[in-house]
mmCIF file of all heavy atoms, coordinates in Angstrom:
data_MODEL
# 
_entry.id   MODEL 
# 
loop_
_atom_site.group_PDB 
_atom_site.id 
_atom_site.type_symbol 
_atom_site.label_atom_id 
_atom_site.label_alt_id 
_atom_site.label_comp_id 
_atom_site.label_asym_id 
_atom_site.label_entity_id 
_atom_site.label_seq_id 
_atom_site.pdbx_PDB_ins_code 
_atom_site.Cartn_x 
_atom_site.Cartn_y 
_atom_site.Cartn_z 
_atom_site.occupancy 
_atom_site.B_iso_or_equiv 
_atom_site.pdbx_formal_charge 
_atom_site.auth_seq_id 
_atom_site.auth_comp_id 
_atom_site.auth_asym_id 
_atom_site.auth_atom_id 
_atom_site.pdbx_PDB_model_num 
ATOM 1   N N   . PHE A 1 1  ? 13.731  8.413   8.051   1.00 0.00 ? 1  PHE A N   1 
ATOM 2   C CA  . PHE A 1 1  ? 12.289  8.507   8.264   1.00 0.00 ? 1  PHE A CA  1 
ATOM 3   C C   . PHE A 1 1  ? 11.542  8.916   6.999   1.00 0.00 ? 1  PHE A C   1 
ATOM 4   O O   . PHE A 1 1  ? 10.419  8.478   6.778   1.00 0.00 ? 1  PHE A O   1 
ATOM 5   C CB  . PHE A 1 1  ? 11.981  9.443   9.439   1.00 0.00 ? 1  PHE A CB  1 
ATOM 6   C CG  . PHE A 1 1  ? 12.420  8.844   10.748  1.00 0.00 ? 1  PHE A CG  1 
ATOM 7   C CD1 . PHE A 1 1  ? 13.536  9.338   11.408  1.00 0.00 ? 1  PHE A CD1 1 
ATOM 8   C CD2 . PHE A 1 1  ? 11.743  7.756   11.301  1.00 0.00 ? 1  PHE A CD2 1 
ATOM 9   C CE1 . PHE A 1 1  ? 13.961  8.763   12.604  1.00 0.00 ? 1  PHE A CE1 1 
ATOM 10  C CE2 . PHE A 1 1  ? 12.163  7.175   12.486  1.00 0.00 ? 1  PHE A CE2 1 
ATOM 11  C CZ  . PHE A 1 1  ? 13.269  7.681   13.147  1.00 0.00 ? 1  PHE A CZ  1 
ATOM 12  N N   . THR A 1 2  ? 12.186  9.696   6.150   1.00 0.00 ? 2  THR A N   1 
ATOM 13  C CA  . THR A 1 2  ? 11.582  10.040  4.863   1.00 0.00 ? 2  THR A CA  1 
ATOM 14  C C   . THR A 1 2  ? 11.424  8.779   4.017   1.00 0.00 ? 2  THR A C   1 
ATOM 15  O O   . THR A 1 2  ? 10.379  8.548   3.405   1.00 0.00 ? 2  THR A O   1 
ATOM 16  C CB  . THR A 1 2  ? 12.457  11.077  4.110   1.00 0.00 ? 2  THR A CB  1 
ATOM 17  O OG1 . THR A 1 2  ? 12.591  12.227  4.940   1.00 0.00 ? 2  THR A OG1 1 
ATOM 18  C CG2 . THR A 1 2  ? 11.864  11.449  2.780   1.00 0.00 ? 2  THR A CG2 1 
ATOM 19  N N   . THR A 1 3  ? 12.450  7.964   4.007   1.00 0.00 ? 3  THR A N   1 
ATOM 20  C CA  . THR A 1 3  ? 12.418  6.715   3.238   1.00 0.00 ? 3  THR A CA  1 
ATOM 21  C C   . THR A 1 3  ? 11.408  5.751   3.837   1.00 0.00 ? 3  THR A C   1 
ATOM 22  O O   . THR A 1 3  ? 10.676  5.079   3.102   1.00 0.00 ? 3  THR A O   1 
ATOM 23  C CB  . THR A 1 3  ? 13.825  6.084   3.185   1.00 0.00 ? 3  THR A CB  1 
ATOM 24  O OG1 . THR A 1 3  ? 14.740  7.042   2.664   1.00 0.00 ? 3  THR A OG1 1 
ATOM 25  C CG2 . THR A 1 3  ? 13.841  4.834   2.317   1.00 0.00 ? 3  THR A CG2 1 
ATOM 26  N N   . LEU A 1 4  ? 11.322  5.694   5.148   1.00 0.00 ? 4  LEU A N   1 
ATOM 27  C CA  . LEU A 1 4  ? 10.349  4.827   5.810   1.00 0.00 ? 4  LEU A CA  1 
ATOM 28  C C   . LEU A 1 4  ? 8.920   5.271   5.477   1.00 0.00 ? 4  LEU A C   1 
ATOM 29  O O   . LEU A 1 4  ? 8.042   4.439   5.238   1.00 0.00 ? 4  LEU A O   1 
ATOM 30  C CB  . LEU A 1 4  ? 10.588  4.828   7.318   1.00 0.00 ? 4  LEU A CB  1 
ATOM 31  C CG  . LEU A 1 4  ? 9.744   3.882   8.160   1.00 0.00 ? 4  LEU A CG  1 
ATOM 32  C CD1 . LEU A 1 4  ? 9.849   2.438   7.682   1.00 0.00 ? 4  LEU A CD1 1 
ATOM 33  C CD2 . LEU A 1 4  ? 10.160  3.992   9.623   1.00 0.00 ? 4  LEU A CD2 1 
ATOM 34  N N   . ARG A 1 5  ? 8.693   6.582   5.429   1.00 0.00 ? 5  ARG A N   1 
ATOM 35  C CA  . ARG A 1 5  ? 7.360   7.083   5.053   1.00 0.00 ? 5  ARG A CA  1 
ATOM 36  C C   . ARG A 1 5  ? 7.032   6.709   3.611   1.00 0.00 ? 5  ARG A C   1 
ATOM 37  O O   . ARG A 1 5  ? 5.893   6.367   3.286   1.00 0.00 ? 5  ARG A O   1 
ATOM 38  C CB  . ARG A 1 5  ? 7.280   8.593   5.260   1.00 0.00 ? 5  ARG A CB  1 
ATOM 39  C CG  . ARG A 1 5  ? 6.979   8.987   6.690   1.00 0.00 ? 5  ARG A CG  1 
ATOM 40  C CD  . ARG A 1 5  ? 6.663   10.467  6.847   1.00 0.00 ? 5  ARG A CD  1 
ATOM 41  N NE  . ARG A 1 5  ? 7.834   11.326  6.732   1.00 0.00 ? 5  ARG A NE  1 
ATOM 42  C CZ  . ARG A 1 5  ? 8.740   11.494  7.696   1.00 0.00 ? 5  ARG A CZ  1 
ATOM 43  N NH1 . ARG A 1 5  ? 8.603   10.884  8.851   1.00 0.00 ? 5  ARG A NH1 1 
ATOM 44  N NH2 . ARG A 1 5  ? 9.762   12.285  7.501   1.00 0.00 ? 5  ARG A NH2 1 
ATOM 45  N N   . GLU A 1 6  ? 8.018   6.780   2.735   1.00 0.00 ? 6  GLU A N   1 
ATOM 46  C CA  . GLU A 1 6  ? 7.805   6.387   1.336   1.00 0.00 ? 6  GLU A CA  1 
ATOM 47  C C   . GLU A 1 6  ? 7.473   4.893   1.248   1.00 0.00 ? 6  GLU A C   1 
ATOM 48  O O   . GLU A 1 6  ? 6.580   4.487   0.499   1.00 0.00 ? 6  GLU A O   1 
ATOM 49  C CB  . GLU A 1 6  ? 9.032   6.718   0.481   1.00 0.00 ? 6  GLU A CB  1 
ATOM 50  C CG  . GLU A 1 6  ? 8.968   6.214   -0.943  1.00 0.00 ? 6  GLU A CG  1 
ATOM 51  C CD  . GLU A 1 6  ? 7.830   6.780   -1.767  1.00 0.00 ? 6  GLU A CD  1 
ATOM 52  O OE1 . GLU A 1 6  ? 7.232   7.816   -1.393  1.00 0.00 ? 6  GLU A OE1 1 
ATOM 53  O OE2 . GLU A 1 6  ? 7.512   6.163   -2.809  1.00 0.00 ? 6  GLU A OE2 1 
ATOM 54  N N   . LEU A 1 7  ? 8.184   4.092   1.999   1.00 0.00 ? 7  LEU A N   1 
ATOM 55  C CA  . LEU A 1 7  ? 7.903   2.654   2.031   1.00 0.00 ? 7  LEU A CA  1 
ATOM 56  C C   . LEU A 1 7  ? 6.474   2.409   2.499   1.00 0.00 ? 7  LEU A C   1 
ATOM 57  O O   . LEU A 1 7  ? 5.736   1.633   1.889   1.00 0.00 ? 7  LEU A O   1 
ATOM 58  C CB  . LEU A 1 7  ? 8.906   1.956   2.951   1.00 0.00 ? 7  LEU A CB  1 
ATOM 59  C CG  . LEU A 1 7  ? 8.795   0.444   3.072   1.00 0.00 ? 7  LEU A CG  1 
ATOM 60  C CD1 . LEU A 1 7  ? 9.063   -0.239  1.739   1.00 0.00 ? 7  LEU A CD1 1 
ATOM 61  C CD2 . LEU A 1 7  ? 9.767   -0.060  4.145   1.00 0.00 ? 7  LEU A CD2 1 
ATOM 62  N N   . MET A 1 8  ? 6.072   3.096   3.556   1.00 0.00 ? 8  MET A N   1 
ATOM 63  C CA  . MET A 1 8  ? 4.717   2.952   4.079   1.00 0.00 ? 8  MET A CA  1 
ATOM 64  C C   . MET A 1 8  ? 3.695   3.363   3.021   1.00 0.00 ? 8  MET A C   1 
ATOM 65  O O   . MET A 1 8  ? 2.676   2.691   2.833   1.00 0.00 ? 8  MET A O   1 
ATOM 66  C CB  . MET A 1 8  ? 4.541   3.794   5.342   1.00 0.00 ? 8  MET A CB  1 
ATOM 67  C CG  . MET A 1 8  ? 3.182   3.618   5.984   1.00 0.00 ? 8  MET A CG  1 
ATOM 68  S SD  . MET A 1 8  ? 2.984   4.548   7.518   1.00 0.00 ? 8  MET A SD  1 
ATOM 69  C CE  . MET A 1 8  ? 2.670   6.174   6.861   1.00 0.00 ? 8  MET A CE  1 
ATOM 70  N N   . ARG A 1 9  ? 3.959   4.441   2.314   1.00 0.00 ? 9  ARG A N   1 
ATOM 71  C CA  . ARG A 1 9  ? 3.034   4.928   1.288   1.00 0.00 ? 9  ARG A CA  1 
ATOM 72  C C   . ARG A 1 9  ? 2.862   3.905   0.159   1.00 0.00 ? 9  ARG A C   1 
ATOM 73  O O   . ARG A 1 9  ? 1.746   3.678   -0.335  1.00 0.00 ? 9  ARG A O   1 
ATOM 74  C CB  . ARG A 1 9  ? 3.546   6.254   0.725   1.00 0.00 ? 9  ARG A CB  1 
ATOM 75  C CG  . ARG A 1 9  ? 2.564   6.973   -0.171  1.00 0.00 ? 9  ARG A CG  1 
ATOM 76  C CD  . ARG A 1 9  ? 3.082   8.345   -0.571  1.00 0.00 ? 9  ARG A CD  1 
ATOM 77  N NE  . ARG A 1 9  ? 4.131   8.292   -1.569  1.00 0.00 ? 9  ARG A NE  1 
ATOM 78  C CZ  . ARG A 1 9  ? 3.930   8.083   -2.864  1.00 0.00 ? 9  ARG A CZ  1 
ATOM 79  N NH1 . ARG A 1 9  ? 2.723   7.890   -3.331  1.00 0.00 ? 9  ARG A NH1 1 
ATOM 80  N NH2 . ARG A 1 9  ? 4.936   8.064   -3.699  1.00 0.00 ? 9  ARG A NH2 1 
ATOM 81  N N   . GLN A 1 10 ? 3.949   3.254   -0.223  1.00 0.00 ? 10 GLN A N   1 
ATOM 82  C CA  . GLN A 1 10 ? 3.856   2.246   -1.286  1.00 0.00 ? 10 GLN A CA  1 
ATOM 83  C C   . GLN A 1 10 ? 3.043   1.031   -0.830  1.00 0.00 ? 10 GLN A C   1 
ATOM 84  O O   . GLN A 1 10 ? 2.206   0.512   -1.581  1.00 0.00 ? 10 GLN A O   1 
ATOM 85  C CB  . GLN A 1 10 ? 5.254   1.836   -1.757  1.00 0.00 ? 10 GLN A CB  1 
ATOM 86  C CG  . GLN A 1 10 ? 6.031   2.945   -2.418  1.00 0.00 ? 10 GLN A CG  1 
ATOM 87  C CD  . GLN A 1 10 ? 5.300   3.583   -3.584  1.00 0.00 ? 10 GLN A CD  1 
ATOM 88  O OE1 . GLN A 1 10 ? 4.646   2.909   -4.375  1.00 0.00 ? 10 GLN A OE1 1 
ATOM 89  N NE2 . GLN A 1 10 ? 5.405   4.894   -3.693  1.00 0.00 ? 10 GLN A NE2 1 
ATOM 90  N N   . PHE A 1 11 ? 3.264   0.595   0.394   1.00 0.00 ? 11 PHE A N   1 
ATOM 91  C CA  . PHE A 1 11 ? 2.465   -0.515  0.926   1.00 0.00 ? 11 PHE A CA  1 
ATOM 92  C C   . PHE A 1 11 ? 0.996   -0.098  1.044   1.00 0.00 ? 11 PHE A C   1 
ATOM 93  O O   . PHE A 1 11 ? 0.097   -0.879  0.736   1.00 0.00 ? 11 PHE A O   1 
ATOM 94  C CB  . PHE A 1 11 ? 2.993   -0.983  2.289   1.00 0.00 ? 11 PHE A CB  1 
ATOM 95  C CG  . PHE A 1 11 ? 4.217   -1.859  2.205   1.00 0.00 ? 11 PHE A CG  1 
ATOM 96  C CD1 . PHE A 1 11 ? 5.365   -1.542  2.921   1.00 0.00 ? 11 PHE A CD1 1 
ATOM 97  C CD2 . PHE A 1 11 ? 4.225   -3.011  1.434   1.00 0.00 ? 11 PHE A CD2 1 
ATOM 98  C CE1 . PHE A 1 11 ? 6.490   -2.359  2.870   1.00 0.00 ? 11 PHE A CE1 1 
ATOM 99  C CE2 . PHE A 1 11 ? 5.345   -3.832  1.368   1.00 0.00 ? 11 PHE A CE2 1 
ATOM 100 C CZ  . PHE A 1 11 ? 6.479   -3.497  2.087   1.00 0.00 ? 11 PHE A CZ  1 
ATOM 101 N N   . HIS A 1 12 ? 0.749   1.133   1.475   1.00 0.00 ? 12 HIS A N   1 
ATOM 102 C CA  . HIS A 1 12 ? -0.614  1.638   1.599   1.00 0.00 ? 12 HIS A CA  1 
ATOM 103 C C   . HIS A 1 12 ? -1.329  1.619   0.243   1.00 0.00 ? 12 HIS A C   1 
ATOM 104 O O   . HIS A 1 12 ? -2.485  1.185   0.141   1.00 0.00 ? 12 HIS A O   1 
ATOM 105 C CB  . HIS A 1 12 ? -0.597  3.067   2.165   1.00 0.00 ? 12 HIS A CB  1 
ATOM 106 C CG  . HIS A 1 12 ? -1.932  3.719   2.207   1.00 0.00 ? 12 HIS A CG  1 
ATOM 107 N ND1 . HIS A 1 12 ? -2.843  3.472   3.211   1.00 0.00 ? 12 HIS A ND1 1 
ATOM 108 C CD2 . HIS A 1 12 ? -2.518  4.599   1.361   1.00 0.00 ? 12 HIS A CD2 1 
ATOM 109 C CE1 . HIS A 1 12 ? -3.939  4.180   2.978   1.00 0.00 ? 12 HIS A CE1 1 
ATOM 110 N NE2 . HIS A 1 12 ? -3.760  4.874   1.860   1.00 0.00 ? 12 HIS A NE2 1 
ATOM 111 N N   . SER A 1 13 ? -0.645  2.062   -0.786  1.00 0.00 ? 13 SER A N   1 
ATOM 112 C CA  . SER A 1 13 ? -1.233  2.085   -2.126  1.00 0.00 ? 13 SER A CA  1 
ATOM 113 C C   . SER A 1 13 ? -1.550  0.680   -2.624  1.00 0.00 ? 13 SER A C   1 
ATOM 114 O O   . SER A 1 13 ? -2.591  0.447   -3.245  1.00 0.00 ? 13 SER A O   1 
ATOM 115 C CB  . SER A 1 13 ? -0.301  2.786   -3.108  1.00 0.00 ? 13 SER A CB  1 
ATOM 116 O OG  . SER A 1 13 ? -0.181  4.148   -2.762  1.00 0.00 ? 13 SER A OG  1 
ATOM 117 N N   . LEU A 1 14 ? -0.659  -0.257  -2.357  1.00 0.00 ? 14 LEU A N   1 
ATOM 118 C CA  . LEU A 1 14 ? -0.926  -1.649  -2.746  1.00 0.00 ? 14 LEU A CA  1 
ATOM 119 C C   . LEU A 1 14 ? -2.128  -2.217  -1.996  1.00 0.00 ? 14 LEU A C   1 
ATOM 120 O O   . LEU A 1 14 ? -2.944  -2.928  -2.573  1.00 0.00 ? 14 LEU A O   1 
ATOM 121 C CB  . LEU A 1 14 ? 0.302   -2.521  -2.492  1.00 0.00 ? 14 LEU A CB  1 
ATOM 122 C CG  . LEU A 1 14 ? 1.375   -2.500  -3.556  1.00 0.00 ? 14 LEU A CG  1 
ATOM 123 C CD1 . LEU A 1 14 ? 2.622   -3.215  -3.057  1.00 0.00 ? 14 LEU A CD1 1 
ATOM 124 C CD2 . LEU A 1 14 ? 0.871   -3.158  -4.831  1.00 0.00 ? 14 LEU A CD2 1 
ATOM 125 N N   . ALA A 1 15 ? -2.227  -1.894  -0.707  1.00 0.00 ? 15 ALA A N   1 
ATOM 126 C CA  . ALA A 1 15 ? -3.365  -2.371  0.081   1.00 0.00 ? 15 ALA A CA  1 
ATOM 127 C C   . ALA A 1 15 ? -4.668  -1.822  -0.487  1.00 0.00 ? 15 ALA A C   1 
ATOM 128 O O   . ALA A 1 15 ? -5.653  -2.555  -0.634  1.00 0.00 ? 15 ALA A O   1 
ATOM 129 C CB  . ALA A 1 15 ? -3.209  -1.963  1.550   1.00 0.00 ? 15 ALA A CB  1 
ATOM 130 N N   . GLY A 1 16 ? -4.680  -0.554  -0.831  1.00 0.00 ? 16 GLY A N   1 
ATOM 131 C CA  . GLY A 1 16 ? -5.881  0.051   -1.404  1.00 0.00 ? 16 GLY A CA  1 
ATOM 132 C C   . GLY A 1 16 ? -6.241  -0.546  -2.752  1.00 0.00 ? 16 GLY A C   1 
ATOM 133 O O   . GLY A 1 16 ? -7.410  -0.832  -3.026  1.00 0.00 ? 16 GLY A O   1 
ATOM 134 N N   . ALA A 1 17 ? -5.247  -0.758  -3.587  1.00 0.00 ? 17 ALA A N   1 
ATOM 135 C CA  . ALA A 1 17 ? -5.509  -1.356  -4.899  1.00 0.00 ? 17 ALA A CA  1 
ATOM 136 C C   . ALA A 1 17 ? -6.005  -2.787  -4.746  1.00 0.00 ? 17 ALA A C   1 
ATOM 137 O O   . ALA A 1 17 ? -6.911  -3.219  -5.469  1.00 0.00 ? 17 ALA A O   1 
ATOM 138 C CB  . ALA A 1 17 ? -4.246  -1.318  -5.754  1.00 0.00 ? 17 ALA A CB  1 
ATOM 139 N N   . GLY A 1 18 ? -5.445  -3.518  -3.789  1.00 0.00 ? 18 GLY A N   1 
ATOM 140 C CA  . GLY A 1 18 ? -5.922  -4.879  -3.546  1.00 0.00 ? 18 GLY A CA  1 
ATOM 141 C C   . GLY A 1 18 ? -7.385  -4.886  -3.141  1.00 0.00 ? 18 GLY A C   1 
ATOM 142 O O   . GLY A 1 18 ? -8.167  -5.737  -3.590  1.00 0.00 ? 18 GLY A O   1 
ATOM 143 N N   . SER A 1 19 ? -7.766  -3.928  -2.323  1.00 0.00 ? 19 SER A N   1 
ATOM 144 C CA  . SER A 1 19 ? -9.173  -3.819  -1.918  1.00 0.00 ? 19 SER A CA  1 
ATOM 145 C C   . SER A 1 19 ? -10.055 -3.457  -3.103  1.00 0.00 ? 19 SER A C   1 
ATOM 146 O O   . SER A 1 19 ? -11.128 -4.028  -3.283  1.00 0.00 ? 19 SER A O   1 
ATOM 147 C CB  . SER A 1 19 ? -9.334  -2.757  -0.827  1.00 0.00 ? 19 SER A CB  1 
ATOM 148 O OG  . SER A 1 19 ? -8.751  -3.179  0.365   1.00 0.00 ? 19 SER A OG  1 
ATOM 149 N N   . THR A 1 20 ? -9.603  -2.512  -3.896  1.00 0.00 ? 20 THR A N   1 
ATOM 150 C CA  . THR A 1 20 ? -10.388 -2.066  -5.048  1.00 0.00 ? 20 THR A CA  1 
ATOM 151 C C   . THR A 1 20 ? -10.689 -3.217  -5.999  1.00 0.00 ? 20 THR A C   1 
ATOM 152 O O   . THR A 1 20 ? -11.801 -3.322  -6.518  1.00 0.00 ? 20 THR A O   1 
ATOM 153 C CB  . THR A 1 20 ? -9.634  -0.947  -5.798  1.00 0.00 ? 20 THR A CB  1 
ATOM 154 O OG1 . THR A 1 20 ? -9.466  0.158   -4.910  1.00 0.00 ? 20 THR A OG1 1 
ATOM 155 C CG2 . THR A 1 20 ? -10.381 -0.502  -7.036  1.00 0.00 ? 20 THR A CG2 1 
ATOM 156 N N   . PHE A 1 21 ? -9.716  -4.082  -6.220  1.00 0.00 ? 21 PHE A N   1 
ATOM 157 C CA  . PHE A 1 21 ? -9.881  -5.162  -7.186  1.00 0.00 ? 21 PHE A CA  1 
ATOM 158 C C   . PHE A 1 21 ? -10.210 -6.507  -6.542  1.00 0.00 ? 21 PHE A C   1 
ATOM 159 O O   . PHE A 1 21 ? -10.128 -7.542  -7.185  1.00 0.00 ? 21 PHE A O   1 
ATOM 160 C CB  . PHE A 1 21 ? -8.640  -5.259  -8.076  1.00 0.00 ? 21 PHE A CB  1 
ATOM 161 C CG  . PHE A 1 21 ? -8.517  -4.099  -9.002  1.00 0.00 ? 21 PHE A CG  1 
ATOM 162 C CD1 . PHE A 1 21 ? -7.692  -3.034  -8.697  1.00 0.00 ? 21 PHE A CD1 1 
ATOM 163 C CD2 . PHE A 1 21 ? -9.278  -4.037  -10.155 1.00 0.00 ? 21 PHE A CD2 1 
ATOM 164 C CE1 . PHE A 1 21 ? -7.593  -1.943  -9.538  1.00 0.00 ? 21 PHE A CE1 1 
ATOM 165 C CE2 . PHE A 1 21 ? -9.193  -2.951  -11.003 1.00 0.00 ? 21 PHE A CE2 1 
ATOM 166 C CZ  . PHE A 1 21 ? -8.353  -1.892  -10.696 1.00 0.00 ? 21 PHE A CZ  1 
ATOM 167 N N   . SER A 1 22 ? -10.577 -6.468  -5.267  1.00 0.00 ? 22 SER A N   1 
ATOM 168 C CA  . SER A 1 22 ? -10.994 -7.677  -4.540  1.00 0.00 ? 22 SER A CA  1 
ATOM 169 C C   . SER A 1 22 ? -9.914  -8.756  -4.515  1.00 0.00 ? 22 SER A C   1 
ATOM 170 O O   . SER A 1 22 ? -10.169 -9.919  -4.820  1.00 0.00 ? 22 SER A O   1 
ATOM 171 C CB  . SER A 1 22 ? -12.296 -8.245  -5.126  1.00 0.00 ? 22 SER A CB  1 
ATOM 172 O OG  . SER A 1 22 ? -13.325 -7.305  -4.998  1.00 0.00 ? 22 SER A OG  1 
ATOM 173 N N   . TYR A 1 23 ? -8.706  -8.349  -4.144  1.00 0.00 ? 23 TYR A N   1 
ATOM 174 C CA  . TYR A 1 23 ? -7.610  -9.274  -3.921  1.00 0.00 ? 23 TYR A CA  1 
ATOM 175 C C   . TYR A 1 23 ? -7.263  -9.221  -2.432  1.00 0.00 ? 23 TYR A C   1 
ATOM 176 O O   . TYR A 1 23 ? -6.326  -8.526  -2.026  1.00 0.00 ? 23 TYR A O   1 
ATOM 177 C CB  . TYR A 1 23 ? -6.388  -8.921  -4.774  1.00 0.00 ? 23 TYR A CB  1 
ATOM 178 C CG  . TYR A 1 23 ? -6.619  -8.983  -6.263  1.00 0.00 ? 23 TYR A CG  1 
ATOM 179 C CD1 . TYR A 1 23 ? -6.193  -7.956  -7.090  1.00 0.00 ? 23 TYR A CD1 1 
ATOM 180 C CD2 . TYR A 1 23 ? -7.259  -10.072 -6.848  1.00 0.00 ? 23 TYR A CD2 1 
ATOM 181 C CE1 . TYR A 1 23 ? -6.392  -8.010  -8.467  1.00 0.00 ? 23 TYR A CE1 1 
ATOM 182 C CE2 . TYR A 1 23 ? -7.465  -10.131 -8.217  1.00 0.00 ? 23 TYR A CE2 1 
ATOM 183 C CZ  . TYR A 1 23 ? -7.027  -9.099  -9.023  1.00 0.00 ? 23 TYR A CZ  1 
ATOM 184 O OH  . TYR A 1 23 ? -7.220  -9.156  -10.382 1.00 0.00 ? 23 TYR A OH  1 
ATOM 185 N N   . PRO A 1 24 ? -8.014  -9.945  -1.595  1.00 0.00 ? 24 PRO A N   1 
ATOM 186 C CA  . PRO A 1 24 ? -7.834  -9.814  -0.144  1.00 0.00 ? 24 PRO A CA  1 
ATOM 187 C C   . PRO A 1 24 ? -6.440  -10.182 0.357   1.00 0.00 ? 24 PRO A C   1 
ATOM 188 O O   . PRO A 1 24 ? -5.949  -9.573  1.310   1.00 0.00 ? 24 PRO A O   1 
ATOM 189 C CB  . PRO A 1 24 ? -8.904  -10.727 0.441   1.00 0.00 ? 24 PRO A CB  1 
ATOM 190 C CG  . PRO A 1 24 ? -9.329  -11.623 -0.660  1.00 0.00 ? 24 PRO A CG  1 
ATOM 191 C CD  . PRO A 1 24 ? -9.048  -10.909 -1.947  1.00 0.00 ? 24 PRO A CD  1 
ATOM 192 N N   . ALA A 1 25 ? -5.793  -11.146 -0.264  1.00 0.00 ? 25 ALA A N   1 
ATOM 193 C CA  . ALA A 1 25 ? -4.446  -11.530 0.196   1.00 0.00 ? 25 ALA A CA  1 
ATOM 194 C C   . ALA A 1 25 ? -3.465  -10.382 -0.028  1.00 0.00 ? 25 ALA A C   1 
ATOM 195 O O   . ALA A 1 25 ? -2.623  -10.102 0.831   1.00 0.00 ? 25 ALA A O   1 
ATOM 196 C CB  . ALA A 1 25 ? -3.982  -12.796 -0.518  1.00 0.00 ? 25 ALA A CB  1 
# 
């Protein structure tokens, strides 16, 4: 579950960065 939370955090950060730079895909 610790590793799963880390995986989720990395995907979350990518989603936020995609939004910041207007990369909707």
